[in-house]
Amino acid sequence: MAEQFDYDALLKRMEEYRYSQSRLARDMPISRTSMSAKMHNKNAFTQWEIRRICQLLEIPDEEVGKYFFNKVVRKSV
């Protein structure tokens, strides 16, 4: 199974900048379906897409990992 990433910080940043997934997809530009698949860990973001999102949401280079590479932690019982 591929690594899963937690995009909660990215979603919060999108909210702060008043970006929906649809608007972010349009401004990148990629399809809404592609954006949804990426946000749900079905497809990975490309380097270009990460850079473009960082430009749109004013994410500093030193904070990229916080938004795109925070691994999902599964709790074991």
PDB file of N, CA and C in Angstrom:
ATOM      1  N   MET A   1       0.841  -1.190   0.000  1.00  0.00           N
ATOM      2  CA  MET A   1       0.000   0.000   0.000  1.00  0.00           C
ATOM      3  C   MET A   1       0.885   1.252   0.000  1.00  0.00           C
ATOM      4  N   ALA A   2       0.535   2.215  -0.812  1.00  0.00           N
ATOM      5  CA  ALA A   2       1.293   3.466  -0.900  1.00  0.00           C
ATOM      6  C   ALA A   2       1.099   4.286   0.374  1.00  0.00           C
ATOM      7  N   GLU A   3       2.066   5.170   0.604  1.00  0.00           N
ATOM      8  CA  GLU A   3       1.949   6.043   1.773  1.00  0.00           C
ATOM      9  C   GLU A   3       0.710   6.924   1.651  1.00  0.00           C
ATOM     10  N   GLN A   4       0.102   7.186   2.786  1.00  0.00           N
ATOM     11  CA  GLN A   4      -1.058   8.058   2.849  1.00  0.00           C
ATOM     12  C   GLN A   4      -0.637   9.350   3.558  1.00  0.00           C
ATOM     13  N   PHE A   5      -1.085  10.477   3.034  1.00  0.00           N
ATOM     14  CA  PHE A   5      -0.734  11.764   3.634  1.00  0.00           C
ATOM     15  C   PHE A   5      -1.972  12.464   4.157  1.00  0.00           C
ATOM     16  N   ASP A   6      -1.783  13.175   5.246  1.00  0.00           N
ATOM     17  CA  ASP A   6      -2.848  13.928   5.905  1.00  0.00           C
ATOM     18  C   ASP A   6      -2.805  15.363   5.377  1.00  0.00           C
ATOM     19  N   TYR A   7      -3.855  15.771   4.706  1.00  0.00           N
ATOM     20  CA  TYR A   7      -3.909  17.105   4.119  1.00  0.00           C
ATOM     21  C   TYR A   7      -4.751  18.079   4.942  1.00  0.00           C
ATOM     22  N   ASP A   8      -4.946  17.797   6.223  1.00  0.00           N
ATOM     23  CA  ASP A   8      -5.739  18.696   7.078  1.00  0.00           C
ATOM     24  C   ASP A   8      -5.152  20.105   7.124  1.00  0.00           C
ATOM     25  N   ALA A   9      -3.831  20.221   7.219  1.00  0.00           N
ATOM     26  CA  ALA A   9      -3.198  21.550   7.255  1.00  0.00           C
ATOM     27  C   ALA A   9      -3.432  22.282   5.939  1.00  0.00           C
ATOM     28  N   LEU A  10      -3.370  21.546   4.833  1.00  0.00           N
ATOM     29  CA  LEU A  10      -3.630  22.151   3.525  1.00  0.00           C
ATOM     30  C   LEU A  10      -5.077  22.610   3.423  1.00  0.00           C
ATOM     31  N   LEU A  11      -6.002  21.790   3.879  1.00  0.00           N
ATOM     32  CA  LEU A  11      -7.418  22.170   3.856  1.00  0.00           C
ATOM     33  C   LEU A  11      -7.671  23.414   4.706  1.00  0.00           C
ATOM     34  N   LYS A  12      -7.012  23.496   5.848  1.00  0.00           N
ATOM     35  CA  LYS A  12      -7.167  24.678   6.703  1.00  0.00           C
ATOM     36  C   LYS A  12      -6.610  25.921   6.008  1.00  0.00           C
ATOM     37  N   ARG A  13      -5.460  25.773   5.357  1.00  0.00           N
ATOM     38  CA  ARG A  13      -4.855  26.895   4.625  1.00  0.00           C
ATOM     39  C   ARG A  13      -5.777  27.322   3.480  1.00  0.00           C
ATOM     40  N   MET A  14      -6.356  26.367   2.791  1.00  0.00           N
ATOM     41  CA  MET A  14      -7.309  26.676   1.720  1.00  0.00           C
ATOM     42  C   MET A  14      -8.485  27.474   2.275  1.00  0.00           C
ATOM     43  N   GLU A  15      -8.973  27.071   3.420  1.00  0.00           N
ATOM     44  CA  GLU A  15     -10.091  27.781   4.056  1.00  0.00           C
ATOM     45  C   GLU A  15      -9.691  29.215   4.410  1.00  0.00           C
ATOM     46  N   GLU A  16      -8.499  29.382   4.952  1.00  0.00           N
ATOM     47  CA  GLU A  16      -8.009  30.711   5.317  1.00  0.00           C
ATOM     48  C   GLU A  16      -7.923  31.624   4.096  1.00  0.00           C
ATOM     49  N   TYR A  17      -7.562  31.053   2.951  1.00  0.00           N
ATOM     50  CA  TYR A  17      -7.424  31.828   1.723  1.00  0.00           C
ATOM     51  C   TYR A  17      -8.696  31.783   0.868  1.00  0.00           C
ATOM     52  N   ARG A  18      -9.742  31.210   1.439  1.00  0.00           N
ATOM     53  CA  ARG A  18     -11.058  31.113   0.777  1.00  0.00           C
ATOM     54  C   ARG A  18     -10.996  30.376  -0.556  1.00  0.00           C
ATOM     55  N   TYR A  19     -10.296  29.270  -0.529  1.00  0.00           N
ATOM     56  CA  TYR A  19     -10.197  28.400  -1.701  1.00  0.00           C
ATOM     57  C   TYR A  19     -10.959  27.114  -1.437  1.00  0.00           C
ATOM     58  N   SER A  20     -11.889  26.772  -2.310  1.00  0.00           N
ATOM     59  CA  SER A  20     -12.499  25.447  -2.307  1.00  0.00           C
ATOM     60  C   SER A  20     -11.602  24.552  -3.162  1.00  0.00           C
ATOM     61  N   GLN A  21     -11.823  23.254  -3.110  1.00  0.00           N
ATOM     62  CA  GLN A  21     -11.061  22.355  -3.972  1.00  0.00           C
ATOM     63  C   GLN A  21     -11.319  22.685  -5.434  1.00  0.00           C
ATOM     64  N   SER A  22     -12.557  23.033  -5.757  1.00  0.00           N
ATOM     65  CA  SER A  22     -12.910  23.367  -7.142  1.00  0.00           C
ATOM     66  C   SER A  22     -12.165  24.606  -7.622  1.00  0.00           C
ATOM     67  N   ARG A  23     -12.142  25.637  -6.787  1.00  0.00           N
ATOM     68  CA  ARG A  23     -11.454  26.871  -7.184  1.00  0.00           C
ATOM     69  C   ARG A  23      -9.949  26.651  -7.303  1.00  0.00           C
ATOM     70  N   LEU A  24      -9.372  25.907  -6.365  1.00  0.00           N
ATOM     71  CA  LEU A  24      -7.940  25.636  -6.424  1.00  0.00           C
ATOM     72  C   LEU A  24      -7.607  24.854  -7.691  1.00  0.00           C
ATOM     73  N   ALA A  25      -8.418  23.856  -8.006  1.00  0.00           N
ATOM     74  CA  ALA A  25      -8.211  23.074  -9.226  1.00  0.00           C
ATOM     75  C   ALA A  25      -8.268  23.980 -10.458  1.00  0.00           C
ATOM     76  N   ARG A  26      -9.246  24.853 -10.509  1.00  0.00           N
ATOM     77  CA  ARG A  26      -9.402  25.760 -11.649  1.00  0.00           C
ATOM     78  C   ARG A  26      -8.196  26.688 -11.782  1.00  0.00           C
ATOM     79  N   ASP A  27      -7.697  27.208 -10.662  1.00  0.00           N
ATOM     80  CA  ASP A  27      -6.591  28.162 -10.699  1.00  0.00           C
ATOM     81  C   ASP A  27      -5.228  27.506 -10.936  1.00  0.00           C
ATOM     82  N   MET A  28      -5.156  26.174 -10.829  1.00  0.00           N
ATOM     83  CA  MET A  28      -3.859  25.517 -11.015  1.00  0.00           C
ATOM     84  C   MET A  28      -3.405  25.465 -12.475  1.00  0.00           C
ATOM     85  N   PRO A  29      -4.002  25.055 -13.473  1.00  0.00           N
ATOM     86  CA  PRO A  29      -5.308  24.421 -13.641  1.00  0.00           C
ATOM     87  C   PRO A  29      -5.197  22.891 -13.798  1.00  0.00           C
ATOM     88  N   ILE A  30      -6.047  22.187 -13.050  1.00  0.00           N
ATOM     89  CA  ILE A  30      -6.258  20.749 -13.236  1.00  0.00           C
ATOM     90  C   ILE A  30      -7.750  20.508 -13.068  1.00  0.00           C
ATOM     91  N   SER A  31      -8.207  19.310 -13.352  1.00  0.00           N
ATOM     92  CA  SER A  31      -9.633  19.022 -13.219  1.00  0.00           C
ATOM     93  C   SER A  31     -10.027  18.879 -11.745  1.00  0.00           C
ATOM     94  N   ARG A  32     -11.288  19.120 -11.458  1.00  0.00           N
ATOM     95  CA  ARG A  32     -11.801  18.940 -10.095  1.00  0.00           C
ATOM     96  C   ARG A  32     -11.663  17.485  -9.672  1.00  0.00           C
ATOM     97  N   THR A  33     -11.892  16.573 -10.610  1.00  0.00           N
ATOM     98  CA  THR A  33     -11.783  15.149 -10.316  1.00  0.00           C
ATOM     99  C   THR A  33     -10.357  14.786  -9.918  1.00  0.00           C
ATOM    100  N   SER A  34      -9.393  15.328 -10.640  1.00  0.00           N
ATOM    101  CA  SER A  34      -7.988  15.075 -10.332  1.00  0.00           C
ATOM    102  C   SER A  34      -7.629  15.639  -8.954  1.00  0.00           C
ATOM    103  N   MET A  35      -8.089  16.852  -8.658  1.00  0.00           N
ATOM    104  CA  MET A  35      -7.818  17.459  -7.341  1.00  0.00           C
ATOM    105  C   MET A  35      -8.414  16.613  -6.221  1.00  0.00           C
ATOM    106  N   SER A  36      -9.635  16.168  -6.402  1.00  0.00           N
ATOM    107  CA  SER A  36     -10.287  15.340  -5.387  1.00  0.00           C
ATOM    108  C   SER A  36      -9.521  14.042  -5.159  1.00  0.00           C
ATOM    109  N   ALA A  37      -9.080  13.406  -6.240  1.00  0.00           N
ATOM    110  CA  ALA A  37      -8.317  12.160  -6.119  1.00  0.00           C
ATOM    111  C   ALA A  37      -7.020  12.380  -5.340  1.00  0.00           C
ATOM    112  N   LYS A  38      -6.376  13.496  -5.567  1.00  0.00           N
ATOM    113  CA  LYS A  38      -5.124  13.810  -4.869  1.00  0.00           C
ATOM    114  C   LYS A  38      -5.383  14.079  -3.383  1.00  0.00           C
ATOM    115  N   MET A  39      -6.434  14.808  -3.088  1.00  0.00           N
ATOM    116  CA  MET A  39      -6.753  15.141  -1.695  1.00  0.00           C
ATOM    117  C   MET A  39      -7.199  13.908  -0.901  1.00  0.00           C
ATOM    118  N   HIS A  40      -7.669  12.879  -1.613  1.00  0.00           N
ATOM    119  CA  HIS A  40      -8.108  11.644  -0.961  1.00  0.00           C
ATOM    120  C   HIS A  40      -7.086  10.513  -1.102  1.00  0.00           C
ATOM    121  N   ASN A  41      -5.840  10.876  -1.417  1.00  0.00           N
ATOM    122  CA  ASN A  41      -4.723   9.923  -1.496  1.00  0.00           C
ATOM    123  C   ASN A  41      -4.915   8.834  -2.536  1.00  0.00           C
ATOM    124  N   LYS A  42      -5.700   9.095  -3.553  1.00  0.00           N
ATOM    125  CA  LYS A  42      -5.859   8.125  -4.634  1.00  0.00           C
ATOM    126  C   LYS A  42      -4.782   8.339  -5.702  1.00  0.00           C
ATOM    127  N   ASN A  43      -4.331   9.562  -5.867  1.00  0.00           N
ATOM    128  CA  ASN A  43      -3.236   9.936  -6.765  1.00  0.00           C
ATOM    129  C   ASN A  43      -2.308  10.872  -5.999  1.00  0.00           C
ATOM    130  N   ALA A  44      -1.055  10.925  -6.415  1.00  0.00           N
ATOM    131  CA  ALA A  44      -0.079  11.794  -5.750  1.00  0.00           C
ATOM    132  C   ALA A  44       0.002  13.154  -6.444  1.00  0.00           C
ATOM    133  N   PHE A  45       0.312  14.181  -5.665  1.00  0.00           N
ATOM    134  CA  PHE A  45       0.586  15.502  -6.237  1.00  0.00           C
ATOM    135  C   PHE A  45       1.941  15.451  -6.946  1.00  0.00           C
ATOM    136  N   THR A  46       2.048  16.114  -8.088  1.00  0.00           N
ATOM    137  CA  THR A  46       3.338  16.231  -8.765  1.00  0.00           C
ATOM    138  C   THR A  46       4.110  17.383  -8.128  1.00  0.00           C
ATOM    139  N   GLN A  47       5.394  17.455  -8.407  1.00  0.00           N
ATOM    140  CA  GLN A  47       6.198  18.565  -7.896  1.00  0.00           C
ATOM    141  C   GLN A  47       5.652  19.891  -8.410  1.00  0.00           C
ATOM    142  N   TRP A  48       5.291  19.932  -9.685  1.00  0.00           N
ATOM    143  CA  TRP A  48       4.758  21.164 -10.263  1.00  0.00           C
ATOM    144  C   TRP A  48       3.476  21.584  -9.552  1.00  0.00           C
ATOM    145  N   GLU A  49       2.595  20.633  -9.271  1.00  0.00           N
ATOM    146  CA  GLU A  49       1.332  20.951  -8.588  1.00  0.00           C
ATOM    147  C   GLU A  49       1.585  21.484  -7.186  1.00  0.00           C
ATOM    148  N   ILE A  50       2.521  20.885  -6.481  1.00  0.00           N
ATOM    149  CA  ILE A  50       2.864  21.359  -5.135  1.00  0.00           C
ATOM    150  C   ILE A  50       3.377  22.796  -5.211  1.00  0.00           C
ATOM    151  N   ARG A  51       4.276  23.073  -6.157  1.00  0.00           N
ATOM    152  CA  ARG A  51       4.805  24.442  -6.303  1.00  0.00           C
ATOM    153  C   ARG A  51       3.679  25.428  -6.615  1.00  0.00           C
ATOM    154  N   ARG A  52       2.764  25.049  -7.495  1.00  0.00           N
ATOM    155  CA  ARG A  52       1.665  25.941  -7.878  1.00  0.00           C
ATOM    156  C   ARG A  52       0.741  26.204  -6.703  1.00  0.00           C
ATOM    157  N   ILE A  53       0.415  25.184  -5.941  1.00  0.00           N
ATOM    158  CA  ILE A  53      -0.433  25.374  -4.758  1.00  0.00           C
ATOM    159  C   ILE A  53       0.268  26.289  -3.761  1.00  0.00           C
ATOM    160  N   CYS A  54       1.562  26.096  -3.578  1.00  0.00           N
ATOM    161  CA  CYS A  54       2.322  26.952  -2.662  1.00  0.00           C
ATOM    162  C   CYS A  54       2.278  28.409  -3.112  1.00  0.00           C
ATOM    163  N   GLN A  55       2.338  28.644  -4.414  1.00  0.00           N
ATOM    164  CA  GLN A  55       2.232  30.016  -4.928  1.00  0.00           C
ATOM    165  C   GLN A  55       0.854  30.587  -4.632  1.00  0.00           C
ATOM    166  N   LEU A  56      -0.176  29.827  -4.940  1.00  0.00           N
ATOM    167  CA  LEU A  56      -1.552  30.318  -4.769  1.00  0.00           C
ATOM    168  C   LEU A  56      -1.904  30.571  -3.306  1.00  0.00           C
ATOM    169  N   LEU A  57      -1.408  29.700  -2.420  1.00  0.00           N
ATOM    170  CA  LEU A  57      -1.759  29.812  -1.000  1.00  0.00           C
ATOM    171  C   LEU A  57      -0.658  30.468  -0.162  1.00  0.00           C
ATOM    172  N   GLU A  58       0.356  30.999  -0.851  1.00  0.00           N
ATOM    173  CA  GLU A  58       1.469  31.689  -0.186  1.00  0.00           C
ATOM    174  C   GLU A  58       2.088  30.842   0.928  1.00  0.00           C
ATOM    175  N   ILE A  59       2.396  29.601   0.584  1.00  0.00           N
ATOM    176  CA  ILE A  59       3.051  28.692   1.527  1.00  0.00           C
ATOM    177  C   ILE A  59       4.559  28.831   1.330  1.00  0.00           C
ATOM    178  N   PRO A  60       5.281  29.232   2.385  1.00  0.00           N
ATOM    179  CA  PRO A  60       6.740  29.388   2.270  1.00  0.00           C
ATOM    180  C   PRO A  60       7.428  28.041   2.014  1.00  0.00           C
ATOM    181  N   ASP A  61       8.543  28.081   1.308  1.00  0.00           N
ATOM    182  CA  ASP A  61       9.289  26.865   0.978  1.00  0.00           C
ATOM    183  C   ASP A  61       9.575  26.006   2.205  1.00  0.00           C
ATOM    184  N   GLU A  62       9.926  26.641   3.307  1.00  0.00           N
ATOM    185  CA  GLU A  62      10.302  25.876   4.501  1.00  0.00           C
ATOM    186  C   GLU A  62       9.109  25.196   5.178  1.00  0.00           C
ATOM    187  N   GLU A  63       7.886  25.471   4.724  1.00  0.00           N
ATOM    188  CA  GLU A  63       6.694  24.862   5.318  1.00  0.00           C
ATOM    189  C   GLU A  63       6.011  23.846   4.398  1.00  0.00           C
ATOM    190  N   VAL A  64       6.598  23.562   3.252  1.00  0.00           N
ATOM    191  CA  VAL A  64       5.971  22.656   2.283  1.00  0.00           C
ATOM    192  C   VAL A  64       5.675  21.290   2.913  1.00  0.00           C
ATOM    193  N   GLY A  65       6.614  20.755   3.663  1.00  0.00           N
ATOM    194  CA  GLY A  65       6.423  19.445   4.286  1.00  0.00           C
ATOM    195  C   GLY A  65       5.218  19.389   5.202  1.00  0.00           C
ATOM    196  N   LYS A  66       4.960  20.450   5.896  1.00  0.00           N
ATOM    197  CA  LYS A  66       3.822  20.520   6.824  1.00  0.00           C
ATOM    198  C   LYS A  66       2.493  20.330   6.087  1.00  0.00           C
ATOM    199  N   TYR A  67       2.425  20.788   4.859  1.00  0.00           N
ATOM    200  CA  TYR A  67       1.178  20.748   4.097  1.00  0.00           C
ATOM    201  C   TYR A  67       1.046  19.534   3.184  1.00  0.00           C
ATOM    202  N   PHE A  68       2.176  18.960   2.741  1.00  0.00           N
ATOM    203  CA  PHE A  68       2.110  17.900   1.743  1.00  0.00           C
ATOM    204  C   PHE A  68       2.711  16.565   2.151  1.00  0.00           C
ATOM    205  N   PHE A  69       3.491  16.510   3.214  1.00  0.00           N
ATOM    206  CA  PHE A  69       4.181  15.269   3.542  1.00  0.00           C
ATOM    207  C   PHE A  69       3.973  14.833   4.985  1.00  0.00           C
ATOM    208  N   ASN A  70       2.840  15.182   5.547  1.00  0.00           N
ATOM    209  CA  ASN A  70       2.478  14.755   6.895  1.00  0.00           C
ATOM    210  C   ASN A  70       1.772  13.406   6.777  1.00  0.00           C
ATOM    211  N   LYS A  71       2.444  12.338   7.166  1.00  0.00           N
ATOM    212  CA  LYS A  71       1.906  10.990   6.998  1.00  0.00           C
ATOM    213  C   LYS A  71       0.694  10.743   7.899  1.00  0.00           C
ATOM    214  N   VAL A  72      -0.252   9.992   7.362  1.00  0.00           N
ATOM    215  CA  VAL A  72      -1.409   9.572   8.138  1.00  0.00           C
ATOM    216  C   VAL A  72      -0.928   8.546   9.133  1.00  0.00           C
ATOM    217  N   VAL A  73      -1.311   8.708  10.392  1.00  0.00           N
ATOM    218  CA  VAL A  73      -0.936   7.769  11.434  1.00  0.00           C
ATOM    219  C   VAL A  73      -2.173   6.930  11.773  1.00  0.00           C
ATOM    220  N   ARG A  74      -2.047   5.652  11.585  1.00  0.00           N
ATOM    221  CA  ARG A  74      -3.139   4.729  11.905  1.00  0.00           C
ATOM    222  C   ARG A  74      -2.968   4.261  13.348  1.00  0.00           C
ATOM    223  N   LYS A  75      -4.038   4.360  14.109  1.00  0.00           N
ATOM    224  CA  LYS A  75      -3.997   3.901  15.495  1.00  0.00           C
ATOM    225  C   LYS A  75      -4.275   2.423  15.530  1.00  0.00           C
ATOM    226  N   SER A  76      -3.420   1.699  16.244  1.00  0.00           N
ATOM    227  CA  SER A  76      -3.655   0.257  16.384  1.00  0.00           C
ATOM    228  C   SER A  76      -4.338  -0.015  17.723  1.00  0.00           C
ATOM    229  N   VAL A  77      -5.113  -1.049  17.752  1.00  0.00           N
ATOM    230  CA  VAL A  77      -5.896  -1.367  18.954  1.00  0.00           C
ATOM    231  C   VAL A  77      -5.199  -2.407  19.768  1.00  0.00           C
TER     232      VAL A  77
END
